[in-house]
PDB file of N, CA and C in Angstrom:
ATOM      1  N   MET A   1      -3.303 -26.671  15.372  1.00  0.00           N
ATOM      2  CA  MET A   1      -3.058 -25.240  15.349  1.00  0.00           C
ATOM      3  C   MET A   1      -4.172 -24.529  14.578  1.00  0.00           C
ATOM      4  N   ALA A   2      -4.580 -23.377  15.100  1.00  0.00           N
ATOM      5  CA  ALA A   2      -5.675 -22.633  14.477  1.00  0.00           C
ATOM      6  C   ALA A   2      -5.225 -21.973  13.186  1.00  0.00           C
ATOM      7  N   LYS A   3      -6.195 -21.652  12.336  1.00  0.00           N
ATOM      8  CA  LYS A   3      -5.895 -20.938  11.096  1.00  0.00           C
ATOM      9  C   LYS A   3      -5.419 -19.533  11.412  1.00  0.00           C
ATOM     10  N   LEU A   4      -4.514 -19.013  10.588  1.00  0.00           N
ATOM     11  CA  LEU A   4      -4.038 -17.642  10.766  1.00  0.00           C
ATOM     12  C   LEU A   4      -5.047 -16.673  10.180  1.00  0.00           C
ATOM     13  N   LYS A   5      -5.303 -15.604  10.909  1.00  0.00           N
ATOM     14  CA  LYS A   5      -6.242 -14.593  10.430  1.00  0.00           C
ATOM     15  C   LYS A   5      -5.484 -13.519   9.657  1.00  0.00           C
ATOM     16  N   THR A   6      -6.082 -13.060   8.570  1.00  0.00           N
ATOM     17  CA  THR A   6      -5.530 -11.951   7.806  1.00  0.00           C
ATOM     18  C   THR A   6      -5.771 -10.658   8.569  1.00  0.00           C
ATOM     19  N   ASN A   7      -4.772  -9.790   8.601  1.00  0.00           N
ATOM     20  CA  ASN A   7      -4.949  -8.471   9.200  1.00  0.00           C
ATOM     21  C   ASN A   7      -5.820  -7.644   8.259  1.00  0.00           C
ATOM     22  N   LYS A   8      -7.024  -7.318   8.692  1.00  0.00           N
ATOM     23  CA  LYS A   8      -8.002  -6.666   7.816  1.00  0.00           C
ATOM     24  C   LYS A   8      -7.600  -5.240   7.452  1.00  0.00           C
ATOM     25  N   ALA A   9      -6.915  -4.548   8.358  1.00  0.00           N
ATOM     26  CA  ALA A   9      -6.453  -3.186   8.054  1.00  0.00           C
ATOM     27  C   ALA A   9      -5.459  -3.221   6.904  1.00  0.00           C
ATOM     28  N   ALA A  10      -4.563  -4.205   6.910  1.00  0.00           N
ATOM     29  CA  ALA A  10      -3.572  -4.335   5.838  1.00  0.00           C
ATOM     30  C   ALA A  10      -4.238  -4.801   4.544  1.00  0.00           C
ATOM     31  N   ALA A  11      -5.236  -5.684   4.658  1.00  0.00           N
ATOM     32  CA  ALA A  11      -5.909  -6.215   3.470  1.00  0.00           C
ATOM     33  C   ALA A  11      -6.616  -5.120   2.683  1.00  0.00           C
ATOM     34  N   LYS A  12      -7.101  -4.080   3.394  1.00  0.00           N
ATOM     35  CA  LYS A  12      -7.785  -2.978   2.724  1.00  0.00           C
ATOM     36  C   LYS A  12      -6.804  -2.044   2.021  1.00  0.00           C
ATOM     37  N   ARG A  13      -5.545  -2.065   2.437  1.00  0.00           N
ATOM     38  CA  ARG A  13      -4.563  -1.105   1.932  1.00  0.00           C
ATOM     39  C   ARG A  13      -3.615  -1.652   0.880  1.00  0.00           C
ATOM     40  N   PHE A  14      -3.463  -2.972   0.811  1.00  0.00           N
ATOM     41  CA  PHE A  14      -2.486  -3.568  -0.097  1.00  0.00           C
ATOM     42  C   PHE A  14      -3.125  -4.617  -0.994  1.00  0.00           C
ATOM     43  N   LYS A  15      -2.645  -4.691  -2.228  1.00  0.00           N
ATOM     44  CA  LYS A  15      -3.059  -5.735  -3.163  1.00  0.00           C
ATOM     45  C   LYS A  15      -1.801  -6.436  -3.667  1.00  0.00           C
ATOM     46  N   VAL A  16      -1.875  -7.749  -3.845  1.00  0.00           N
ATOM     47  CA  VAL A  16      -0.731  -8.524  -4.318  1.00  0.00           C
ATOM     48  C   VAL A  16      -0.731  -8.529  -5.842  1.00  0.00           C
ATOM     49  N   THR A  17       0.416  -8.219  -6.436  1.00  0.00           N
ATOM     50  CA  THR A  17       0.540  -8.243  -7.896  1.00  0.00           C
ATOM     51  C   THR A  17       0.826  -9.666  -8.365  1.00  0.00           C
ATOM     52  N   GLY A  18       0.855  -9.855  -9.660  1.00  0.00           N
ATOM     53  CA  GLY A  18       1.096 -11.178 -10.217  1.00  0.00           C
ATOM     54  C   GLY A  18       2.477 -11.706  -9.904  1.00  0.00           C
ATOM     55  N   THR A  19       3.452 -10.817  -9.745  1.00  0.00           N
ATOM     56  CA  THR A  19       4.819 -11.246  -9.454  1.00  0.00           C
ATOM     57  C   THR A  19       5.093 -11.362  -7.959  1.00  0.00           C
ATOM     58  N   GLY A  20       4.063 -11.092  -7.125  1.00  0.00           N
ATOM     59  CA  GLY A  20       4.216 -11.262  -5.685  1.00  0.00           C
ATOM     60  C   GLY A  20       4.573  -9.992  -4.935  1.00  0.00           C
ATOM     61  N   LYS A  21       4.662  -8.875  -5.642  1.00  0.00           N
ATOM     62  CA  LYS A  21       4.935  -7.610  -4.967  1.00  0.00           C
ATOM     63  C   LYS A  21       3.624  -7.057  -4.408  1.00  0.00           C
ATOM     64  N   LEU A  22       3.724  -6.061  -3.533  1.00  0.00           N
ATOM     65  CA  LEU A  22       2.535  -5.463  -2.937  1.00  0.00           C
ATOM     66  C   LEU A  22       2.326  -4.059  -3.480  1.00  0.00           C
ATOM     67  N   LYS A  23       1.122  -3.818  -3.970  1.00  0.00           N
ATOM     68  CA  LYS A  23       0.750  -2.515  -4.510  1.00  0.00           C
ATOM     69  C   LYS A  23       0.093  -1.712  -3.396  1.00  0.00           C
ATOM     70  N   ARG A  24       0.396  -0.412  -3.333  1.00  0.00           N
ATOM     71  CA  ARG A  24      -0.149   0.442  -2.290  1.00  0.00           C
ATOM     72  C   ARG A  24      -0.515   1.792  -2.876  1.00  0.00           C
ATOM     73  N   SER A  25      -1.370   2.531  -2.164  1.00  0.00           N
ATOM     74  CA  SER A  25      -1.674   3.891  -2.591  1.00  0.00           C
ATOM     75  C   SER A  25      -0.739   4.837  -1.854  1.00  0.00           C
ATOM     76  N   LYS A  26      -0.496   5.989  -2.444  1.00  0.00           N
ATOM     77  CA  LYS A  26       0.457   6.927  -1.865  1.00  0.00           C
ATOM     78  C   LYS A  26      -0.203   7.821  -0.824  1.00  0.00           C
ATOM     79  N   ALA A  27       0.605   8.324   0.087  1.00  0.00           N
ATOM     80  CA  ALA A  27       0.127   9.187   1.169  1.00  0.00           C
ATOM     81  C   ALA A  27       0.065  10.640   0.697  1.00  0.00           C
ATOM     82  N   TYR A  28      -0.445  11.506   1.568  1.00  0.00           N
ATOM     83  CA  TYR A  28      -0.511  12.963   1.331  1.00  0.00           C
ATOM     84  C   TYR A  28      -1.464  13.342   0.211  1.00  0.00           C
ATOM     85  N   THR A  29      -2.572  12.623   0.068  1.00  0.00           N
ATOM     86  CA  THR A  29      -3.516  12.937  -1.005  1.00  0.00           C
ATOM     87  C   THR A  29      -4.870  13.405  -0.498  1.00  0.00           C
ATOM     88  N   SER A  30      -5.061  13.468   0.828  1.00  0.00           N
ATOM     89  CA  SER A  30      -6.423  13.657   1.331  1.00  0.00           C
ATOM     90  C   SER A  30      -6.798  15.098   1.628  1.00  0.00           C
ATOM     91  N   HIS A  31      -5.882  15.915   2.157  1.00  0.00           N
ATOM     92  CA  HIS A  31      -6.258  17.290   2.491  1.00  0.00           C
ATOM     93  C   HIS A  31      -5.062  18.222   2.345  1.00  0.00           C
ATOM     94  N   ILE A  32      -5.308  19.522   2.518  1.00  0.00           N
ATOM     95  CA  ILE A  32      -4.333  20.594   2.290  1.00  0.00           C
ATOM     96  C   ILE A  32      -3.747  20.457   0.882  1.00  0.00           C
ATOM     97  N   LEU A  33      -4.650  20.388  -0.096  1.00  0.00           N
ATOM     98  CA  LEU A  33      -4.218  20.191  -1.476  1.00  0.00           C
ATOM     99  C   LEU A  33      -3.924  21.505  -2.195  1.00  0.00           C
ATOM    100  N   THR A  34      -4.279  22.641  -1.583  1.00  0.00           N
ATOM    101  CA  THR A  34      -4.110  23.920  -2.272  1.00  0.00           C
ATOM    102  C   THR A  34      -2.646  24.286  -2.446  1.00  0.00           C
ATOM    103  N   LYS A  35      -1.806  23.903  -1.506  1.00  0.00           N
ATOM    104  CA  LYS A  35      -0.387  24.262  -1.608  1.00  0.00           C
ATOM    105  C   LYS A  35       0.433  23.261  -2.421  1.00  0.00           C
ATOM    106  N   LYS A  36      -0.176  22.162  -2.816  1.00  0.00           N
ATOM    107  CA  LYS A  36       0.532  21.158  -3.617  1.00  0.00           C
ATOM    108  C   LYS A  36       0.330  21.449  -5.093  1.00  0.00           C
ATOM    109  N   SER A  37       1.390  21.287  -5.857  1.00  0.00           N
ATOM    110  CA  SER A  37       1.323  21.607  -7.282  1.00  0.00           C
ATOM    111  C   SER A  37       0.488  20.556  -8.022  1.00  0.00           C
ATOM    112  N   PRO A  38      -0.081  20.926  -9.170  1.00  0.00           N
ATOM    113  CA  PRO A  38      -0.858  19.952  -9.951  1.00  0.00           C
ATOM    114  C   PRO A  38      -0.023  18.728 -10.348  1.00  0.00           C
ATOM    115  N   LYS A  39       1.240  18.950 -10.654  1.00  0.00           N
ATOM    116  CA  LYS A  39       2.111  17.823 -11.027  1.00  0.00           C
ATOM    117  C   LYS A  39       2.259  16.853  -9.851  1.00  0.00           C
ATOM    118  N   ARG A  40       2.467  17.399  -8.668  1.00  0.00           N
ATOM    119  CA  ARG A  40       2.630  16.561  -7.474  1.00  0.00           C
ATOM    120  C   ARG A  40       1.363  15.775  -7.185  1.00  0.00           C
ATOM    121  N   LYS A  41       0.199  16.413  -7.278  1.00  0.00           N
ATOM    122  CA  LYS A  41      -1.079  15.733  -7.021  1.00  0.00           C
ATOM    123  C   LYS A  41      -1.344  14.649  -8.059  1.00  0.00           C
ATOM    124  N   ARG A  42      -0.982  14.921  -9.301  1.00  0.00           N
ATOM    125  CA  ARG A  42      -1.169  13.950 -10.383  1.00  0.00           C
ATOM    126  C   ARG A  42      -0.291  12.724 -10.140  1.00  0.00           C
ATOM    127  N   GLN A  43       0.939  12.932  -9.693  1.00  0.00           N
ATOM    128  CA  GLN A  43       1.840  11.806  -9.446  1.00  0.00           C
ATOM    129  C   GLN A  43       1.419  10.997  -8.217  1.00  0.00           C
ATOM    130  N   LEU A  44       0.766  11.647  -7.262  1.00  0.00           N
ATOM    131  CA  LEU A  44       0.309  10.940  -6.073  1.00  0.00           C
ATOM    132  C   LEU A  44      -0.874  10.021  -6.367  1.00  0.00           C
ATOM    133  N   ARG A  45      -1.574  10.256  -7.484  1.00  0.00           N
ATOM    134  CA  ARG A  45      -2.709   9.385  -7.846  1.00  0.00           C
ATOM    135  C   ARG A  45      -2.249   7.992  -8.253  1.00  0.00           C
ATOM    136  N   LYS A  46      -1.039   7.895  -8.787  1.00  0.00           N
ATOM    137  CA  LYS A  46      -0.542   6.604  -9.261  1.00  0.00           C
ATOM    138  C   LYS A  46      -0.222   5.690  -8.090  1.00  0.00           C
ATOM    139  N   ALA A  47      -0.347   4.404  -8.300  1.00  0.00           N
ATOM    140  CA  ALA A  47      -0.043   3.423  -7.255  1.00  0.00           C
ATOM    141  C   ALA A  47       1.460   3.289  -7.085  1.00  0.00           C
ATOM    142  N   GLY A  48       1.857   2.928  -5.879  1.00  0.00           N
ATOM    143  CA  GLY A  48       3.260   2.664  -5.606  1.00  0.00           C
ATOM    144  C   GLY A  48       3.428   1.222  -5.171  1.00  0.00           C
ATOM    145  N   LEU A  49       4.676   0.822  -4.973  1.00  0.00           N
ATOM    146  CA  LEU A  49       4.967  -0.522  -4.499  1.00  0.00           C
ATOM    147  C   LEU A  49       5.557  -0.444  -3.100  1.00  0.00           C
ATOM    148  N   VAL A  50       5.299  -1.459  -2.290  1.00  0.00           N
ATOM    149  CA  VAL A  50       5.873  -1.527  -0.953  1.00  0.00           C
ATOM    150  C   VAL A  50       7.366  -1.777  -1.099  1.00  0.00           C
ATOM    151  N   ASP A  51       8.170  -1.059  -0.316  1.00  0.00           N
ATOM    152  CA  ASP A  51       9.616  -1.194  -0.372  1.00  0.00           C
ATOM    153  C   ASP A  51      10.047  -2.586   0.086  1.00  0.00           C
ATOM    154  N   ASP A  52      11.167  -3.045  -0.445  1.00  0.00           N
ATOM    155  CA  ASP A  52      11.660  -4.388  -0.125  1.00  0.00           C
ATOM    156  C   ASP A  52      11.944  -4.566   1.364  1.00  0.00           C
ATOM    157  N   SER A  53      12.317  -3.476   2.051  1.00  0.00           N
ATOM    158  CA  SER A  53      12.630  -3.572   3.477  1.00  0.00           C
ATOM    159  C   SER A  53      11.387  -3.872   4.311  1.00  0.00           C
ATOM    160  N   ASN A  54      10.199  -3.521   3.814  1.00  0.00           N
ATOM    161  CA  ASN A  54       8.949  -3.763   4.546  1.00  0.00           C
ATOM    162  C   ASN A  54       8.150  -4.935   3.994  1.00  0.00           C
ATOM    163  N   LEU A  55       8.579  -5.490   2.875  1.00  0.00           N
ATOM    164  CA  LEU A  55       7.782  -6.482   2.158  1.00  0.00           C
ATOM    165  C   LEU A  55       7.488  -7.726   2.992  1.00  0.00           C
ATOM    166  N   LYS A  56       8.494  -8.240   3.694  1.00  0.00           N
ATOM    167  CA  LYS A  56       8.326  -9.464   4.483  1.00  0.00           C
ATOM    168  C   LYS A  56       7.284  -9.266   5.591  1.00  0.00           C
ATOM    169  N   GLN A  57       7.344  -8.110   6.278  1.00  0.00           N
ATOM    170  CA  GLN A  57       6.400  -7.825   7.359  1.00  0.00           C
ATOM    171  C   GLN A  57       4.976  -7.701   6.828  1.00  0.00           C
ATOM    172  N   MET A  58       4.814  -7.019   5.706  1.00  0.00           N
ATOM    173  CA  MET A  58       3.483  -6.812   5.144  1.00  0.00           C
ATOM    174  C   MET A  58       2.885  -8.134   4.649  1.00  0.00           C
ATOM    175  N   LYS A  59       3.708  -8.969   4.037  1.00  0.00           N
ATOM    176  CA  LYS A  59       3.214 -10.265   3.564  1.00  0.00           C
ATOM    177  C   LYS A  59       2.786 -11.150   4.730  1.00  0.00           C
ATOM    178  N   LYS A  60       3.466 -11.004   5.862  1.00  0.00           N
ATOM    179  CA  LYS A  60       3.106 -11.781   7.052  1.00  0.00           C
ATOM    180  C   LYS A  60       1.717 -11.352   7.554  1.00  0.00           C
ATOM    181  N   LEU A  61       1.433 -10.048   7.481  1.00  0.00           N
ATOM    182  CA  LEU A  61       0.125  -9.561   7.901  1.00  0.00           C
ATOM    183  C   LEU A  61      -0.984 -10.071   6.982  1.00  0.00           C
ATOM    184  N   LEU A  62      -0.646 -10.225   5.695  1.00  0.00           N
ATOM    185  CA  LEU A  62      -1.642 -10.649   4.710  1.00  0.00           C
ATOM    186  C   LEU A  62      -1.707 -12.162   4.548  1.00  0.00           C
ATOM    187  N   ASN A  63      -0.817 -12.897   5.198  1.00  0.00           N
ATOM    188  CA  ASN A  63      -0.723 -14.367   5.063  1.00  0.00           C
ATOM    189  C   ASN A  63      -0.517 -14.769   3.611  1.00  0.00           C
ATOM    190  N   VAL A  64       0.389 -14.078   2.927  1.00  0.00           N
ATOM    191  CA  VAL A  64       0.680 -14.396   1.515  1.00  0.00           C
ATOM    192  C   VAL A  64       1.801 -15.394   1.466  1.00  0.00           C
TER     193      VAL A  64
END
């Protein structure tokens, strides 16, 4: 059987933490920033975690 290839699109977007969770960046940060409050933009800078409902699928893409 051939080696499994990592999904490169997913590899660029997710990083595995030490405990095995997946770290991700938040959406809605790229444009139309004038109507978003400074507090909202500041909170969007922080990293988020992939939800447990999607974790299995994302790990399969990353071959973790």
